[in-house]
């Protein structure tokens, strides 16, 4: 396959290797805006450059079954002393950084 390098928006797009200098084309396996512009300039369909992972059929099979990471709560064996503990939220958050001085200096100092 011949290489199709195009100068698009201050970078190079290679449609045959599905690469661009911003690397979003490679990381997301979706055409970035630069690749879309290159496809538009070449008058070719951008859908040829989508990863098969984004096809409707593949997504449907990925989410077809149920995933239970833990057993239902009814099946949990929880100790009585743990069930009786009441956990309250934090009252506040300590601010980051150095604490302020207790006394503020006046304008005369």
N, C-alpha and C. Protein backbone atom coordinates (compact mmCIF):
# COMPACT_ATOMS: atom_id res chain seq x y z
N UNK A 1 0.85 -1.18 0.00
CA UNK A 1 0.00 0.00 0.00
C UNK A 1 0.90 1.24 0.00
N UNK A 2 0.55 2.20 -0.83
CA UNK A 2 1.36 3.41 -0.89
C UNK A 2 1.04 4.31 0.30
N UNK A 3 2.03 5.07 0.71
CA UNK A 3 1.84 5.96 1.85
C UNK A 3 1.17 7.25 1.40
N UNK A 4 0.25 7.73 2.23
CA UNK A 4 -0.46 8.97 1.95
C UNK A 4 -0.14 9.96 3.04
N UNK A 5 0.96 10.68 2.92
CA UNK A 5 1.30 11.72 3.89
C UNK A 5 0.66 13.02 3.45
N UNK A 6 -0.06 13.67 4.34
CA UNK A 6 -0.68 14.95 4.05
C UNK A 6 -0.32 15.94 5.16
N UNK A 7 -0.03 17.16 4.77
CA UNK A 7 0.23 18.22 5.74
C UNK A 7 -1.11 18.83 6.12
N UNK A 8 -1.51 18.62 7.38
CA UNK A 8 -2.81 19.10 7.84
C UNK A 8 -2.64 19.78 9.19
N UNK A 9 -3.07 21.01 9.30
CA UNK A 9 -3.12 21.74 10.57
C UNK A 9 -1.82 21.62 11.36
N UNK A 10 -0.72 22.01 10.75
CA UNK A 10 0.60 22.02 11.38
C UNK A 10 1.10 20.63 11.78
N UNK A 11 0.80 19.64 11.02
CA UNK A 11 1.28 18.29 11.32
C UNK A 11 1.13 17.40 10.09
N UNK A 12 1.65 16.18 10.21
CA UNK A 12 1.59 15.23 9.10
C UNK A 12 0.65 14.08 9.44
N UNK A 13 -0.23 13.76 8.51
CA UNK A 13 -1.15 12.64 8.65
C UNK A 13 -0.74 11.58 7.66
N UNK A 14 -0.62 10.33 8.13
CA UNK A 14 -0.37 9.19 7.27
C UNK A 14 -1.59 8.30 7.35
N UNK A 15 -2.44 8.36 6.33
CA UNK A 15 -3.68 7.60 6.37
C UNK A 15 -3.45 6.11 6.20
N UNK A 16 -2.42 5.70 5.50
CA UNK A 16 -2.19 4.28 5.30
C UNK A 16 -1.71 3.60 6.59
N UNK A 17 -0.93 4.31 7.41
CA UNK A 17 -0.47 3.75 8.69
C UNK A 17 -1.34 4.16 9.86
N UNK A 18 -2.33 5.02 9.61
CA UNK A 18 -3.22 5.56 10.64
C UNK A 18 -2.42 6.25 11.75
N UNK A 19 -1.55 7.17 11.34
CA UNK A 19 -0.73 7.90 12.30
C UNK A 19 -0.86 9.39 12.06
N UNK A 20 -0.65 10.14 13.12
CA UNK A 20 -0.59 11.60 13.05
C UNK A 20 0.32 12.05 14.17
N UNK A 21 0.89 13.21 14.03
CA UNK A 21 1.86 13.69 15.01
C UNK A 21 1.22 13.98 16.37
N UNK A 22 -0.09 14.18 16.44
CA UNK A 22 -0.74 14.39 17.75
C UNK A 22 -0.93 13.08 18.50
N UNK A 23 -0.80 11.96 17.88
CA UNK A 23 -0.90 10.61 18.43
C UNK A 23 -2.29 10.22 18.87
N UNK A 24 -3.29 11.08 18.76
CA UNK A 24 -4.65 10.70 19.13
C UNK A 24 -5.21 9.65 18.18
N UNK A 25 -4.78 9.71 16.93
CA UNK A 25 -5.20 8.74 15.92
C UNK A 25 -4.75 7.34 16.34
N UNK A 26 -3.54 7.21 16.86
CA UNK A 26 -3.01 5.92 17.26
C UNK A 26 -3.59 5.46 18.61
N UNK A 27 -3.71 6.38 19.56
CA UNK A 27 -4.13 6.00 20.91
C UNK A 27 -5.60 5.62 20.99
N UNK A 28 -6.46 6.41 20.40
CA UNK A 28 -7.90 6.17 20.49
C UNK A 28 -8.40 5.19 19.44
N UNK A 29 -7.61 4.95 18.44
CA UNK A 29 -7.99 4.14 17.29
C UNK A 29 -9.26 4.69 16.63
N UNK A 30 -9.37 5.99 16.70
CA UNK A 30 -10.42 6.74 16.02
C UNK A 30 -9.75 7.85 15.24
N UNK A 31 -10.29 8.24 14.11
CA UNK A 31 -9.69 9.35 13.38
C UNK A 31 -9.81 10.65 14.18
N UNK A 32 -8.70 11.31 14.41
CA UNK A 32 -8.73 12.60 15.09
C UNK A 32 -9.20 13.66 14.08
N UNK A 33 -9.33 14.87 14.53
CA UNK A 33 -9.83 15.92 13.63
C UNK A 33 -8.88 16.15 12.47
N UNK A 34 -7.60 15.91 12.69
CA UNK A 34 -6.63 16.08 11.62
C UNK A 34 -6.82 15.01 10.55
N UNK A 35 -7.09 13.78 10.99
CA UNK A 35 -7.33 12.70 10.03
C UNK A 35 -8.65 12.92 9.29
N UNK A 36 -9.64 13.49 9.97
CA UNK A 36 -10.91 13.78 9.30
C UNK A 36 -10.72 14.83 8.20
N UNK A 37 -9.89 15.82 8.48
CA UNK A 37 -9.60 16.83 7.46
C UNK A 37 -8.86 16.19 6.29
N UNK A 38 -7.92 15.29 6.59
CA UNK A 38 -7.17 14.62 5.53
C UNK A 38 -8.09 13.74 4.69
N UNK A 39 -9.03 13.05 5.33
CA UNK A 39 -9.99 12.24 4.58
C UNK A 39 -10.88 13.12 3.71
N UNK A 40 -11.25 14.25 4.25
CA UNK A 40 -12.10 15.18 3.48
C UNK A 40 -11.33 15.73 2.27
N UNK A 41 -10.04 16.03 2.45
CA UNK A 41 -9.23 16.52 1.33
C UNK A 41 -9.06 15.46 0.24
N UNK A 42 -8.92 14.21 0.65
CA UNK A 42 -8.76 13.11 -0.30
C UNK A 42 -10.08 12.60 -0.86
N UNK A 43 -11.19 13.10 -0.29
CA UNK A 43 -12.54 12.68 -0.66
C UNK A 43 -12.74 11.17 -0.49
N UNK A 44 -12.29 10.68 0.68
CA UNK A 44 -12.50 9.28 1.02
C UNK A 44 -13.28 9.21 2.33
N UNK A 45 -13.90 8.09 2.58
CA UNK A 45 -14.73 7.93 3.77
C UNK A 45 -13.85 7.79 5.01
N UNK A 46 -14.19 8.52 6.04
CA UNK A 46 -13.43 8.42 7.29
C UNK A 46 -13.79 7.17 8.06
N UNK A 47 -14.91 6.52 7.73
CA UNK A 47 -15.33 5.33 8.45
C UNK A 47 -14.41 4.15 8.21
N UNK A 48 -13.60 4.20 7.17
CA UNK A 48 -12.63 3.13 6.92
C UNK A 48 -11.49 3.16 7.94
N UNK A 49 -11.35 4.24 8.68
CA UNK A 49 -10.23 4.41 9.60
C UNK A 49 -10.62 4.22 11.06
N UNK A 50 -11.87 3.84 11.31
CA UNK A 50 -12.30 3.53 12.67
C UNK A 50 -11.84 2.12 13.02
N UNK A 51 -11.50 1.90 14.28
CA UNK A 51 -11.14 0.57 14.74
C UNK A 51 -12.40 -0.30 14.78
N UNK A 52 -12.28 -1.60 14.52
CA UNK A 52 -13.46 -2.47 14.60
C UNK A 52 -14.06 -2.52 16.00
N UNK A 53 -13.31 -2.12 17.02
CA UNK A 53 -13.84 -2.12 18.37
C UNK A 53 -15.00 -1.14 18.54
N UNK A 54 -15.13 -0.18 17.65
CA UNK A 54 -16.20 0.80 17.75
C UNK A 54 -17.41 0.43 16.91
N UNK A 55 -17.38 -0.71 16.23
CA UNK A 55 -18.55 -1.13 15.45
C UNK A 55 -19.66 -1.57 16.40
N UNK A 56 -20.87 -1.35 15.96
CA UNK A 56 -22.03 -1.63 16.80
C UNK A 56 -22.08 -3.11 17.21
N UNK A 57 -21.76 -4.01 16.31
CA UNK A 57 -21.83 -5.44 16.61
C UNK A 57 -20.80 -5.85 17.67
N UNK A 58 -19.60 -5.30 17.56
CA UNK A 58 -18.54 -5.63 18.53
C UNK A 58 -18.89 -5.07 19.91
N UNK A 59 -19.41 -3.84 19.96
CA UNK A 59 -19.81 -3.26 21.25
C UNK A 59 -20.96 -4.04 21.87
N UNK A 60 -21.89 -4.52 21.04
CA UNK A 60 -23.01 -5.29 21.57
C UNK A 60 -22.54 -6.60 22.18
N UNK A 61 -21.57 -7.27 21.56
CA UNK A 61 -21.07 -8.52 22.13
C UNK A 61 -20.24 -8.26 23.40
N UNK A 62 -19.59 -7.12 23.48
CA UNK A 62 -18.80 -6.81 24.68
C UNK A 62 -19.70 -6.62 25.89
N UNK A 63 -20.90 -6.06 25.70
CA UNK A 63 -21.81 -5.79 26.80
C UNK A 63 -22.99 -6.75 26.83
N UNK A 64 -22.88 -7.89 26.16
CA UNK A 64 -24.00 -8.83 26.07
C UNK A 64 -24.27 -9.52 27.39
N UNK A 65 -23.26 -9.94 28.11
CA UNK A 65 -23.46 -10.67 29.36
C UNK A 65 -23.42 -9.77 30.57
N UNK A 66 -23.77 -10.34 31.70
CA UNK A 66 -23.72 -9.61 32.96
C UNK A 66 -22.39 -9.90 33.64
N UNK A 67 -21.89 -8.92 34.34
CA UNK A 67 -20.65 -9.06 35.08
C UNK A 67 -20.96 -8.82 36.54
N UNK A 68 -20.70 -9.81 37.38
CA UNK A 68 -20.90 -9.67 38.81
C UNK A 68 -19.54 -9.64 39.49
N UNK A 69 -19.02 -8.48 39.85
CA UNK A 69 -17.70 -8.42 40.47
C UNK A 69 -17.69 -9.01 41.88
N UNK A 70 -18.81 -8.92 42.59
CA UNK A 70 -18.94 -9.50 43.93
C UNK A 70 -20.31 -10.17 44.02
N UNK A 71 -20.48 -11.01 45.03
CA UNK A 71 -21.78 -11.65 45.25
C UNK A 71 -22.81 -10.60 45.65
N UNK A 72 -24.09 -10.90 45.50
CA UNK A 72 -25.12 -9.96 45.96
C UNK A 72 -24.99 -9.71 47.47
N UNK A 73 -25.44 -8.56 47.92
CA UNK A 73 -25.28 -8.16 49.32
C UNK A 73 -25.98 -9.13 50.28
N UNK A 74 -27.04 -9.79 49.81
CA UNK A 74 -27.75 -10.73 50.68
C UNK A 74 -26.88 -11.93 51.04
N UNK A 75 -25.93 -12.28 50.21
CA UNK A 75 -25.07 -13.44 50.43
C UNK A 75 -23.80 -13.10 51.22
N UNK A 76 -23.60 -11.85 51.58
CA UNK A 76 -22.40 -11.46 52.30
C UNK A 76 -22.47 -11.95 53.75
N UNK A 77 -21.36 -12.42 54.28
CA UNK A 77 -21.24 -12.80 55.68
C UNK A 77 -20.57 -11.63 56.42
N UNK A 78 -21.39 -10.82 57.08
CA UNK A 78 -20.88 -9.64 57.77
C UNK A 78 -20.99 -9.88 59.27
N UNK A 79 -19.92 -9.63 60.00
CA UNK A 79 -19.91 -9.82 61.44
C UNK A 79 -20.84 -8.81 62.12
N UNK A 80 -21.39 -9.22 63.27
CA UNK A 80 -22.33 -8.36 63.98
C UNK A 80 -21.69 -7.06 64.45
N UNK A 81 -20.44 -7.15 64.95
CA UNK A 81 -19.79 -5.93 65.43
C UNK A 81 -19.47 -4.98 64.29
N UNK A 82 -19.31 -5.47 63.09
CA UNK A 82 -19.08 -4.60 61.93
C UNK A 82 -20.38 -3.95 61.49
N UNK A 83 -21.49 -4.70 61.56
CA UNK A 83 -22.78 -4.13 61.17
C UNK A 83 -23.24 -3.04 62.12
N UNK A 84 -22.84 -3.12 63.38
CA UNK A 84 -23.29 -2.14 64.35
C UNK A 84 -22.49 -0.83 64.28
N UNK A 85 -21.38 -0.79 63.57
CA UNK A 85 -20.55 0.40 63.49
C UNK A 85 -21.21 1.40 62.52
N UNK A 86 -21.34 2.64 62.98
CA UNK A 86 -21.88 3.71 62.15
C UNK A 86 -20.70 4.55 61.66
N UNK A 87 -20.57 4.67 60.36
CA UNK A 87 -19.46 5.43 59.77
C UNK A 87 -20.01 6.76 59.30
N UNK A 88 -19.46 7.84 59.85
CA UNK A 88 -19.90 9.19 59.49
C UNK A 88 -18.91 9.81 58.51
N UNK A 89 -19.37 10.73 57.69
CA UNK A 89 -18.44 11.39 56.76
C UNK A 89 -17.51 12.34 57.50
N UNK A 90 -16.44 12.73 56.85
CA UNK A 90 -15.51 13.67 57.44
C UNK A 90 -16.18 15.01 57.66
N UNK A 91 -15.75 15.71 58.72
CA UNK A 91 -16.34 17.01 59.03
C UNK A 91 -15.83 18.09 58.10
N UNK A 92 -14.63 17.99 57.68
CA UNK A 92 -14.07 19.00 56.79
C UNK A 92 -12.75 18.53 56.25
N UNK A 93 -12.22 19.31 55.38
CA UNK A 93 -10.95 18.95 54.78
C UNK A 93 -9.90 19.97 55.19
N UNK A 94 -8.75 19.48 55.54
CA UNK A 94 -7.65 20.36 55.90
C UNK A 94 -7.11 21.00 54.62
N UNK A 95 -6.97 22.33 54.61
CA UNK A 95 -6.49 22.99 53.40
C UNK A 95 -5.02 22.65 53.11
N UNK A 96 -4.69 22.62 51.84
CA UNK A 96 -3.31 22.35 51.43
C UNK A 96 -2.41 23.55 51.71
N UNK A 97 -1.15 23.26 51.86
CA UNK A 97 -0.17 24.34 52.00
C UNK A 97 0.09 24.72 53.44
N UNK A 98 0.87 25.76 53.59
CA UNK A 98 1.27 26.24 54.90
C UNK A 98 0.09 26.95 55.57
N UNK A 99 -0.13 26.72 56.86
CA UNK A 99 -1.24 27.41 57.52
C UNK A 99 -0.95 28.91 57.63
N UNK A 100 -2.00 29.75 57.62
CA UNK A 100 -1.77 31.19 57.71
C UNK A 100 -1.28 31.59 59.10
N UNK A 101 -0.67 32.76 59.20
CA UNK A 101 -0.21 33.29 60.48
C UNK A 101 -1.41 33.60 61.35
N UNK A 102 -1.23 33.46 62.66
CA UNK A 102 -2.34 33.75 63.58
C UNK A 102 -2.65 35.23 63.62
N UNK A 103 -1.61 36.06 63.54
CA UNK A 103 -1.81 37.50 63.64
C UNK A 103 -1.46 38.13 62.31
N UNK A 104 -2.34 38.99 61.85
CA UNK A 104 -2.06 39.73 60.62
C UNK A 104 -1.39 41.05 60.98
N UNK A 105 -0.39 41.38 60.25
CA UNK A 105 0.30 42.63 60.55
C UNK A 105 -0.50 43.81 60.03
N UNK A 106 -0.40 44.91 60.74
CA UNK A 106 -1.14 46.11 60.35
C UNK A 106 -0.39 46.84 59.24
N UNK A 107 -0.98 47.90 58.70
CA UNK A 107 -0.36 48.66 57.62
C UNK A 107 0.87 49.42 58.10
N UNK A 108 0.92 49.76 59.39
CA UNK A 108 2.03 50.53 59.93
C UNK A 108 3.29 49.69 60.10
N UNK A 109 3.16 48.39 60.18
CA UNK A 109 4.33 47.54 60.46
C UNK A 109 5.13 47.30 59.21
